[in-house]
């Protein structure tokens, strides 16, 4: 019997490519495709999949919250995250939420299939780079420099940090999250403390530098990331 897989990905070309890749395998079948968390929940109920391949950036809904919901309501469904986000920052968050694996979109198709099959057997799948970072933290060693302390931020704080990097003001961020400006300012204060930054100017400079280094030269679905699309990257997790 073929293992049943649903794909939750908001880019049509990649979504279709994943569907075709899965359907081309003798032991796998793609039984549904969604581009937001609401449809993903519906498919999880209707299609009874064994595995969900999930992008962290979706048109609507919080992907991490979806993973947490599935862990409680549909624990039999395993989740493999497929994302362009830096795995050192986001892989552990996904695994803590309940995912069984994390793989970068830049990986070759054979590794995607290897991850799918490993997760389906009940094992965890993540790169050696992530495994080394997890081991370092478990041994209480100094975190890897590439994390820059961002691993200490909560999911909401990381969202705020990303939007600061996209030159959004506290008011704009508050409006997007339907929160008060004071709440966003409190998040900023906590971010400054966790990143050992002294003031708001340092925080904005650090956020913009990180954004430029991590998103500036990259593309999503073949399109360069602009200020607007970067906002969507962060807000898609709200």
Foldseek 3Di string as FASTA:
>chain_A
DAAEEEEAAAQVVVQVVVQVLQCVDPRHHYPYYHQALVVVVVCCVVVVGQEYEYECFGQAEAPLVSLLVCCPPPVSYAYEYEYQDDCLQCVVSSVVSPHQEYDYNPDDSVVVVVQVVQVSVVHHYDDPVNVVQVVCVVVVHDGDVVCLLNSVADLVLVLLLLLLLLVDDLVRVCVLVVHDSVVSVVSVVVVCVSNVHDDPVRSSVVSVVVCCVSQVPDDDSPHRDHSVVSNSRSSNND
